[in-house]
C-alpha atoms as a PDB file:
ATOM      1  CA  MET A   1    -133.668  97.291  71.444  1.00  0.00           C
ATOM      2  CA  PHE A   2    -132.239  94.069  72.968  1.00  0.00           C
ATOM      3  CA  GLY A   3    -132.252  91.990  69.785  1.00  0.00           C
ATOM      4  CA  ILE A   4    -134.601  89.391  71.262  1.00  0.00           C
ATOM      5  CA  SER A   5    -137.403  87.774  69.329  1.00  0.00           C
ATOM      6  CA  ILE A   6    -140.205  85.756  70.878  1.00  0.00           C
ATOM      7  CA  GLU A   7    -141.890  82.902  69.070  1.00  0.00           C
ATOM      8  CA  ILE A   8    -145.125  81.573  70.538  1.00  0.00           C
ATOM      9  CA  VAL A   9    -145.482  77.856  69.862  1.00  0.00           C
ATOM     10  CA  SER A  10    -149.019  76.527  70.011  1.00  0.00           C
ATOM     11  CA  LYS A  11    -150.626  73.159  69.369  1.00  0.00           C
ATOM     12  CA  LEU A  12    -151.229  72.101  65.821  1.00  0.00           C
ATOM     13  CA  ALA A  13    -154.831  72.185  64.609  1.00  0.00           C
ATOM     14  CA  GLY A  14    -156.453  68.803  65.261  1.00  0.00           C
ATOM     15  CA  GLN A  15    -153.555  67.543  67.393  1.00  0.00           C
ATOM     16  CA  VAL A  16    -154.401  64.566  69.584  1.00  0.00           C
ATOM     17  CA  GLY A  17    -151.916  63.174  72.090  1.00  0.00           C
ATOM     18  CA  PHE A  18    -148.366  64.212  72.917  1.00  0.00           C
ATOM     19  CA  VAL A  19    -146.181  65.958  70.352  1.00  0.00           C
ATOM     20  CA  VAL A  20    -142.801  67.483  71.168  1.00  0.00           C
ATOM     21  CA  LEU A  21    -142.912  71.240  70.606  1.00  0.00           C
ATOM     22  CA  PRO A  22    -139.684  73.067  69.694  1.00  0.00           C
ATOM     23  CA  ARG A  23    -137.734  74.567  72.628  1.00  0.00           C
ATOM     24  CA  ARG A  24    -140.609  74.085  75.072  1.00  0.00           C
ATOM     25  CA  TRP A  25    -138.428  71.785  77.175  1.00  0.00           C
ATOM     26  CA  VAL A  26    -136.195  74.769  78.017  1.00  0.00           C
ATOM     27  CA  VAL A  27    -139.074  76.572  79.726  1.00  0.00           C
ATOM     28  CA  GLU A  28    -140.303  73.433  81.500  1.00  0.00           C
ATOM     29  CA  ARG A  29    -136.785  72.594  82.713  1.00  0.00           C
ATOM     30  CA  THR A  30    -136.268  76.105  84.061  1.00  0.00           C
ATOM     31  CA  LEU A  31    -139.614  76.071  85.889  1.00  0.00           C
ATOM     32  CA  ALA A  32    -138.704  72.693  87.403  1.00  0.00           C
ATOM     33  CA  TRP A  33    -135.400  74.125  88.656  1.00  0.00           C
ATOM     34  CA  ILE A  34    -137.200  77.097  90.213  1.00  0.00           C
ATOM     35  CA  ASN A  35    -139.783  74.825  91.885  1.00  0.00           C
ATOM     36  CA  GLN A  36    -137.036  72.936  93.718  1.00  0.00           C
ATOM     37  CA  HIS A  37    -136.855  75.912  96.101  1.00  0.00           C
ATOM     38  CA  ARG A  38    -139.587  75.996  98.735  1.00  0.00           C
ATOM     39  CA  ARG A  39    -140.334  79.729  98.665  1.00  0.00           C
ATOM     40  CA  CYS A  40    -140.889  79.625  94.906  1.00  0.00           C
ATOM     41  CA  VAL A  41    -143.413  76.772  94.964  1.00  0.00           C
ATOM     42  CA  ARG A  42    -146.190  78.712  96.714  1.00  0.00           C
ATOM     43  CA  ASP A  43    -147.002  82.390  96.541  1.00  0.00           C
ATOM     44  CA  TYR A  44    -145.652  83.387  99.952  1.00  0.00           C
ATOM     45  CA  GLU A  45    -144.558  86.882  98.987  1.00  0.00           C
ATOM     46  CA  ARG A  46    -146.819  89.931  99.319  1.00  0.00           C
ATOM     47  CA  HIS A  47    -145.166  91.985  96.581  1.00  0.00           C
ATOM     48  CA  PRO A  48    -144.192  90.900  93.056  1.00  0.00           C
ATOM     49  CA  GLU A  49    -140.739  92.408  93.564  1.00  0.00           C
ATOM     50  CA  HIS A  50    -140.117  90.049  96.483  1.00  0.00           C
ATOM     51  CA  HIS A  51    -141.177  87.038  94.428  1.00  0.00           C
ATOM     52  CA  GLU A  52    -138.914  88.174  91.594  1.00  0.00           C
ATOM     53  CA  ALA A  53    -136.024  88.389  94.058  1.00  0.00           C
ATOM     54  CA  MET A  54    -136.731  84.851  95.285  1.00  0.00           C
ATOM     55  CA  VAL A  55    -136.786  83.509  91.715  1.00  0.00           C
ATOM     56  CA  ARG A  56    -133.490  85.267  90.982  1.00  0.00           C
ATOM     57  CA  TRP A  57    -131.975  83.847  94.173  1.00  0.00           C
ATOM     58  CA  ALA A  58    -133.194  80.357  93.255  1.00  0.00           C
ATOM     59  CA  MET A  59    -131.657  80.561  89.784  1.00  0.00           C
ATOM     60  CA  ILE A  60    -128.364  81.980  91.097  1.00  0.00           C
ATOM     61  CA  HIS A  61    -128.205  79.159  93.627  1.00  0.00           C
ATOM     62  CA  THR A  62    -129.033  76.498  91.014  1.00  0.00           C
ATOM     63  CA  ILE A  63    -126.558  77.750  88.420  1.00  0.00           C
ATOM     64  CA  SER A  64    -123.750  78.245  90.963  1.00  0.00           C
ATOM     65  CA  ARG A  65    -124.241  74.669  92.202  1.00  0.00           C
ATOM     66  CA  ARG A  66    -124.077  73.363  88.632  1.00  0.00           C
ATOM     67  CA  LEU A  67    -120.932  75.366  87.865  1.00  0.00           C
ATOM     68  CA  THR A  68    -119.025  74.180  90.951  1.00  0.00           C
ATOM     69  CA  ARG A  69    -119.681  70.473  90.584  1.00  0.00           C
END
């Protein structure tokens, strides 16, 4: 419906140590940006909808700061 495909990237069989996985840095970078906001670090919200709103607010704030620099 939306034209989105999801690819799950897992560790290689027998992998030992660190190996860069494709596009994983995008997820880790985004989570790091979200965790810069205090209310998103801990689970303060009672309802999932409230937490979703806080994550959206955090991303809007982060992206707007990056666009106006």
